[in-house]
Amino acid sequence: MIVTVTFNPAVDEEYLVPEFRPGKWFRSSHVDRSPGGKGINISYMLSQMGYQSVAMGFLAGFNGEYIRDALRRLRITTNFVHVPGETRSNVYVVDEVGHVETGIAESGPYVPEEALSRFLSNYDRMLGRAKLVVMGGSLPPGIPQDIYRDLVDRAKTRGIPTLLDAAGPPLMTAIEGGPSFARIDHRFMARVAGVSLTSLDNLMQVVSRVHDYGVEWAVASYRSYGAVFFSPEGIFLAEYERRNLVSLFGVEDALVTGFIIAREENMDTESAIRFATACAWEDSLHVEKGFRGRSQIEDLVPLVKVEKLG
């Protein structure tokens, strides 16, 4: 069983707006509304590819009910703890003419200590059936900054691999616990670690440092159309074409989803990198979150450029 953890779910609303400018009214040419948050996005995309998962975390209010119902309609098993308040909404505006993307995210509802205790009890029970745990995203008020480290440690004591996609102190603390896979956030590394990730050399340095903590796979996005992978077989750069890109809203989660599928299908290192990158590419070609189909991804796999850097 694949378990995904989303502490701060959201209702994602993505709007395609021609020539968007601040201070004016616009009529959207396309709207996509879906349950969101990193773990939920990955459960959502896995289901599109025929893979089952269990989604865990916290939900609140009417938005929470919408998310739970939407996931169940997709036959995704849910195990959420309900808390007071309202699950947040995220708004994402894509200017289809200027190719500029704007996002607004809420902070999310406060999670009481008692609710966190219930979640951890549920999590421990789920580990008895899990073969892989995926966790990530922002933390709502009330959740300790070291929570991802705690989840990684609990899974590792049972020999269960963990995949992490987070930012800030929760990312750095969890990396020290040595998850199996970690995606590195550009903004945090540039601001806090003092490392600019616009340089390929710096990207290689950062993923190498992360690998030194025992992280088997470390991944950092490269520009807006590729990624650097530190794998068990060396460091690779994977890139795809920039033309025809529509939205980058879900590409990071699509890449992680692709990696999970490649792992489940026992792909070799280079094939896994190609497939994960092709998943990110396919997601970027349309507004709707996720994938239009496996065949569309497979068509892109041979077009991904992969170079071994070290």
Protein backbone atom coordinates (compact mmCIF):
# COMPACT_ATOMS: atom_id res chain seq x y z
CA MET A 1 0.00 0.00 0.00
CA ILE A 2 1.21 3.51 -0.88
CA VAL A 3 0.42 6.04 1.86
CA THR A 4 0.41 9.79 1.16
CA VAL A 5 0.48 12.38 3.94
CA THR A 6 -0.84 15.93 3.46
CA PHE A 7 -0.94 18.00 6.64
CA ASN A 8 -2.29 21.09 4.89
CA PRO A 9 -4.70 20.09 2.09
CA ALA A 10 -6.33 22.67 -0.14
CA VAL A 11 -9.00 23.16 -2.74
CA ASP A 12 -6.92 24.15 -5.78
CA GLU A 13 -8.53 26.61 -8.18
CA GLU A 14 -6.61 27.24 -11.39
CA TYR A 15 -7.72 29.97 -13.81
CA LEU A 16 -6.54 30.52 -17.36
CA VAL A 17 -6.78 34.27 -18.02
CA PRO A 18 -5.65 35.95 -21.26
CA GLU A 19 -3.38 38.98 -20.63
CA PHE A 20 -3.84 39.01 -16.87
CA ARG A 21 -2.90 42.29 -15.16
CA PRO A 22 -3.34 43.34 -11.50
CA GLY A 23 -6.09 45.83 -10.72
CA LYS A 24 -8.59 44.77 -13.36
CA TRP A 25 -11.52 42.38 -13.79
CA PHE A 26 -11.11 39.41 -16.08
CA ARG A 27 -13.21 36.56 -17.39
CA SER A 28 -11.40 33.26 -17.21
CA SER A 29 -11.24 31.22 -20.39
CA HIS A 30 -10.86 27.98 -18.41
CA VAL A 31 -11.18 26.90 -14.76
CA ASP A 32 -9.96 23.72 -13.11
CA ARG A 33 -10.95 22.93 -9.52
CA SER A 34 -9.55 19.91 -7.69
CA PRO A 35 -8.49 18.56 -4.28
CA GLY A 36 -4.91 19.59 -3.59
CA GLY A 37 -1.86 19.59 -1.37
CA LYS A 38 1.27 17.63 -2.30
CA GLY A 39 0.31 14.23 -0.94
CA ILE A 40 -3.24 14.52 -2.22
CA ASN A 41 -1.99 15.61 -5.64
CA ILE A 42 0.18 12.51 -5.78
CA SER A 43 -2.70 10.24 -4.74
CA TYR A 44 -4.82 11.97 -7.41
CA MET A 45 -2.19 11.44 -10.13
CA LEU A 46 -1.47 7.85 -9.06
CA SER A 47 -5.17 7.08 -9.43
CA GLN A 48 -5.09 8.46 -12.98
CA MET A 49 -2.40 5.88 -13.75
CA GLY A 50 -4.23 3.00 -12.11
CA TYR A 51 -2.32 2.93 -8.81
CA GLN A 52 -4.12 2.80 -5.46
CA SER A 53 -3.09 4.78 -2.38
CA VAL A 54 -4.36 5.90 1.01
CA ALA A 55 -4.47 9.66 1.63
CA MET A 56 -3.91 10.89 5.21
CA GLY A 57 -3.79 14.28 6.94
CA PHE A 58 -6.27 16.84 8.26
CA LEU A 59 -9.50 18.23 6.82
CA ALA A 60 -11.86 20.94 8.04
CA GLY A 61 -15.21 22.49 7.09
CA PHE A 62 -16.98 22.49 3.73
CA ASN A 63 -13.73 22.45 1.75
CA GLY A 64 -12.66 19.40 3.70
CA GLU A 65 -15.90 17.62 2.84
CA TYR A 66 -15.42 18.49 -0.83
CA ILE A 67 -11.89 17.03 -0.80
CA ARG A 68 -12.95 13.83 0.95
CA ASP A 69 -15.87 13.34 -1.43
CA ALA A 70 -13.76 14.07 -4.53
CA LEU A 71 -11.11 11.56 -3.46
CA ARG A 72 -13.67 8.88 -2.70
CA ARG A 73 -15.25 9.38 -6.12
CA LEU A 74 -11.81 8.57 -7.52
CA ARG A 75 -11.77 5.45 -5.31
CA ILE A 76 -8.89 6.81 -3.26
CA THR A 77 -9.03 5.52 0.31
CA THR A 78 -9.03 8.35 2.87
CA ASN A 79 -7.90 8.43 6.49
CA PHE A 80 -8.16 12.07 7.55
CA VAL A 81 -8.55 13.58 11.01
CA HIS A 82 -11.16 16.36 11.05
CA VAL A 83 -10.35 19.61 12.86
CA PRO A 84 -12.27 22.85 13.49
CA GLY A 85 -12.20 25.66 10.97
CA GLU A 86 -11.95 25.49 7.19
CA THR A 87 -9.51 23.74 4.88
CA ARG A 88 -7.70 26.36 2.83
CA SER A 89 -8.10 27.31 -0.82
CA ASN A 90 -5.23 28.00 -3.22
CA VAL A 91 -5.79 30.22 -6.26
CA TYR A 92 -3.52 29.97 -9.28
CA VAL A 93 -3.78 32.30 -12.29
CA VAL A 94 -2.10 31.44 -15.59
CA ASP A 95 -1.71 34.21 -18.17
CA GLU A 96 -1.94 32.24 -21.41
CA VAL A 97 -0.60 35.20 -23.44
CA GLY A 98 2.21 36.56 -21.28
CA HIS A 99 3.05 33.11 -19.84
CA VAL A 100 3.21 34.51 -16.31
CA GLU A 101 1.83 32.49 -13.41
CA THR A 102 0.52 33.93 -10.12
CA GLY A 103 -0.45 31.97 -7.02
CA ILE A 104 -2.10 32.82 -3.70
CA ALA A 105 -2.10 30.29 -0.85
CA GLU A 106 -3.90 30.42 2.50
CA SER A 107 -2.21 29.23 5.70
CA GLY A 108 -4.75 26.56 6.68
CA PRO A 109 -6.68 25.79 9.90
CA TYR A 110 -5.08 25.34 13.33
CA VAL A 111 -4.47 21.69 14.27
CA PRO A 112 -5.01 21.00 18.01
CA GLU A 113 -2.57 18.74 19.87
CA GLU A 114 -5.27 16.11 20.39
CA ALA A 115 -5.90 15.92 16.63
CA LEU A 116 -2.18 15.48 15.96
CA SER A 117 -2.06 12.63 18.48
CA ARG A 118 -4.95 10.92 16.68
CA PHE A 119 -3.19 11.33 13.35
CA LEU A 120 0.04 9.79 14.69
CA SER A 121 -1.91 6.81 16.07
CA ASN A 122 -3.55 6.33 12.67
CA TYR A 123 -0.17 6.72 10.95
CA ASP A 124 1.43 4.03 13.11
CA ARG A 125 -1.42 1.67 12.26
CA MET A 126 -1.06 2.42 8.55
CA LEU A 127 2.65 1.62 8.69
CA GLY A 128 1.64 -1.96 9.44
CA ARG A 129 0.28 -2.19 5.88
CA ALA A 130 2.38 0.39 4.01
CA LYS A 131 5.13 -0.39 1.52
CA LEU A 132 5.91 3.27 0.76
CA VAL A 133 5.13 6.61 2.45
CA VAL A 134 4.98 9.90 0.54
CA MET A 135 4.85 13.15 2.54
CA GLY A 136 5.16 16.82 1.78
CA GLY A 137 3.80 20.32 1.51
CA SER A 138 3.42 23.18 3.96
CA LEU A 139 2.48 22.76 7.61
CA PRO A 140 -0.64 24.37 9.09
CA PRO A 141 -0.55 26.18 12.46
CA GLY A 142 -0.19 23.79 15.38
CA ILE A 143 2.02 21.23 13.61
CA PRO A 144 5.63 21.08 14.93
CA GLN A 145 8.41 21.90 12.47
CA ASP A 146 10.08 18.52 13.01
CA ILE A 147 6.99 16.46 12.15
CA TYR A 148 8.39 15.11 8.87
CA ARG A 149 11.51 13.90 10.68
CA ASP A 150 9.22 12.08 13.12
CA LEU A 151 7.29 10.40 10.30
CA VAL A 152 10.50 9.41 8.50
CA ASP A 153 11.93 7.91 11.69
CA ARG A 154 8.74 5.93 12.43
CA ALA A 155 8.71 4.50 8.90
CA LYS A 156 12.44 3.69 8.89
CA THR A 157 12.16 1.63 12.09
CA ARG A 158 9.82 -0.64 10.10
CA GLY A 159 11.99 -0.66 6.99
CA ILE A 160 9.50 1.38 4.94
CA PRO A 161 10.92 3.77 2.28
CA THR A 162 9.90 7.44 2.51
CA LEU A 163 9.60 10.15 -0.13
CA LEU A 164 9.73 13.79 0.98
CA ASP A 165 8.83 17.01 -0.83
CA ALA A 166 8.84 19.98 1.55
CA ALA A 167 10.54 23.31 2.21
CA GLY A 168 12.10 25.33 5.01
CA PRO A 169 13.06 23.94 8.42
CA PRO A 170 10.71 20.92 8.08
CA LEU A 171 12.68 19.88 4.98
CA MET A 172 16.12 20.32 6.54
CA THR A 173 15.18 18.55 9.77
CA ALA A 174 13.68 15.62 7.87
CA ILE A 175 16.66 15.32 5.52
CA GLU A 176 18.87 14.67 8.55
CA GLY A 177 16.74 11.57 9.16
CA GLY A 178 17.67 10.20 5.75
CA PRO A 179 14.45 9.69 3.76
CA SER A 180 14.77 7.49 0.68
CA PHE A 181 13.95 10.36 -1.69
CA ALA A 182 13.91 14.14 -1.23
CA ARG A 183 12.99 16.94 -3.59
CA ILE A 184 14.90 20.14 -2.79
CA ASP A 185 13.06 23.46 -2.74
CA HIS A 186 14.88 26.23 -4.64
CA ARG A 187 13.57 29.21 -2.74
CA PHE A 188 14.49 27.82 0.66
CA MET A 189 18.00 26.74 -0.30
CA ALA A 190 18.72 30.11 -1.89
CA ARG A 191 17.38 32.11 1.06
CA VAL A 192 18.44 30.08 4.09
CA ALA A 193 21.32 27.89 2.97
CA GLY A 194 22.91 30.73 1.02
CA VAL A 195 23.17 28.68 -2.17
CA SER A 196 21.83 29.95 -5.48
CA LEU A 197 20.29 27.11 -7.42
CA THR A 198 20.39 28.90 -10.76
CA SER A 199 23.85 27.45 -11.35
CA LEU A 200 24.16 23.84 -12.45
CA ASP A 201 27.34 23.48 -10.37
CA ASN A 202 25.48 24.67 -7.27
CA LEU A 203 22.63 22.28 -7.95
CA MET A 204 25.10 19.40 -8.11
CA GLN A 205 26.67 20.58 -4.86
CA VAL A 206 23.32 20.77 -3.06
CA VAL A 207 21.99 17.39 -4.18
CA SER A 208 25.35 15.86 -3.24
CA ARG A 209 25.13 17.35 0.25
CA VAL A 210 21.62 15.99 0.67
CA HIS A 211 22.78 12.57 -0.50
CA ASP A 212 25.47 12.61 2.22
CA TYR A 213 22.69 12.43 4.85
CA GLY A 214 21.76 9.01 3.52
CA VAL A 215 19.14 10.17 1.03
CA GLU A 216 19.30 7.65 -1.81
CA TRP A 217 17.65 9.96 -4.37
CA ALA A 218 17.91 13.76 -4.18
CA VAL A 219 16.19 15.89 -6.84
CA ALA A 220 16.24 19.63 -7.56
CA SER A 221 14.39 21.40 -10.35
CA TYR A 222 16.56 22.98 -13.05
CA ARG A 223 15.12 26.18 -14.52
CA SER A 224 11.48 25.51 -15.43
CA TYR A 225 11.95 22.56 -17.72
CA GLY A 226 14.17 19.97 -16.10
CA ALA A 227 15.72 18.53 -12.96
CA VAL A 228 19.01 17.33 -11.49
CA PHE A 229 18.86 13.83 -10.00
CA PHE A 230 21.40 12.43 -7.54
CA SER A 231 20.82 8.70 -7.94
CA PRO A 232 22.60 5.56 -6.71
CA GLU A 233 24.34 5.50 -10.10
CA GLY A 234 25.50 9.13 -10.23
CA ILE A 235 24.21 12.63 -10.98
CA PHE A 236 22.00 13.18 -14.02
CA LEU A 237 20.46 16.22 -15.70
CA ALA A 238 17.10 15.67 -17.38
CA GLU A 239 15.50 18.35 -19.59
CA TYR A 240 12.52 18.78 -21.88
CA GLU A 241 11.42 21.35 -24.45
CA ARG A 242 10.03 24.69 -23.26
CA ARG A 243 7.67 25.24 -26.16
CA ASN A 244 3.94 24.62 -25.76
CA LEU A 245 4.12 24.67 -21.95
CA VAL A 246 0.78 25.82 -20.52
CA SER A 247 1.04 25.56 -16.72
CA LEU A 248 3.74 24.57 -14.23
CA PHE A 249 1.25 24.34 -11.36
CA GLY A 250 1.55 20.60 -10.74
CA VAL A 251 4.84 19.64 -12.40
CA GLU A 252 6.73 18.96 -9.15
CA ASP A 253 4.05 16.57 -7.91
CA ALA A 254 3.86 14.97 -11.36
CA LEU A 255 7.60 14.32 -11.28
CA VAL A 256 7.37 12.68 -7.85
CA THR A 257 4.39 10.62 -9.02
CA GLY A 258 6.35 9.49 -12.05
CA PHE A 259 9.25 8.47 -9.85
CA ILE A 260 6.93 6.41 -7.64
CA ILE A 261 5.48 4.61 -10.68
CA ALA A 262 8.98 3.98 -12.06
CA ARG A 263 9.97 2.52 -8.69
CA GLU A 264 6.87 0.32 -8.55
CA GLU A 265 7.63 -0.95 -12.06
CA ASN A 266 11.31 -1.63 -11.26
CA MET A 267 12.66 0.68 -13.97
CA ASP A 268 16.44 1.12 -14.14
CA THR A 269 17.95 4.45 -13.09
CA GLU A 270 17.96 6.21 -16.45
CA SER A 271 14.51 4.90 -17.38
CA ALA A 272 13.14 6.11 -14.03
CA ILE A 273 14.60 9.57 -14.61
CA ARG A 274 13.17 9.73 -18.13
CA PHE A 275 9.75 8.57 -17.04
CA ALA A 276 9.52 10.93 -14.03
CA THR A 277 10.61 13.87 -16.19
CA ALA A 278 8.15 12.92 -18.93
CA CYS A 279 5.37 12.92 -16.31
CA ALA A 280 6.31 16.49 -15.32
CA TRP A 281 6.42 17.49 -18.98
CA GLU A 282 3.02 15.96 -19.78
CA ASP A 283 1.43 17.72 -16.80
CA SER A 284 2.80 21.08 -18.01
CA LEU A 285 1.10 20.83 -21.40
CA HIS A 286 -2.43 21.51 -20.11
CA VAL A 287 -4.23 23.34 -17.31
CA GLU A 288 -5.85 20.29 -15.72
CA LYS A 289 -3.82 18.70 -12.94
CA GLY A 290 -2.16 15.40 -13.72
CA PHE A 291 -2.05 13.30 -16.86
CA ARG A 292 -4.26 12.82 -19.88
CA GLY A 293 -3.11 9.20 -20.17
CA ARG A 294 -0.19 6.78 -20.02
CA SER A 295 0.25 6.86 -23.79
CA GLN A 296 0.84 10.63 -23.77
CA ILE A 297 3.60 10.16 -21.21
CA GLU A 298 5.19 7.28 -23.12
CA ASP A 299 5.27 9.45 -26.26
CA LEU A 300 7.39 12.01 -24.38
CA VAL A 301 9.81 9.58 -22.69
CA PRO A 302 12.22 9.21 -25.67
CA LEU A 303 12.20 13.00 -26.16
CA VAL A 304 13.57 13.71 -22.66
CA LYS A 305 17.25 14.67 -22.82
CA VAL A 306 19.32 12.94 -20.13
CA GLU A 307 22.98 13.71 -19.45
CA LYS A 308 25.20 12.13 -16.81
CA LEU A 309 27.08 14.86 -14.93
CA GLY A 310 29.06 12.80 -12.48
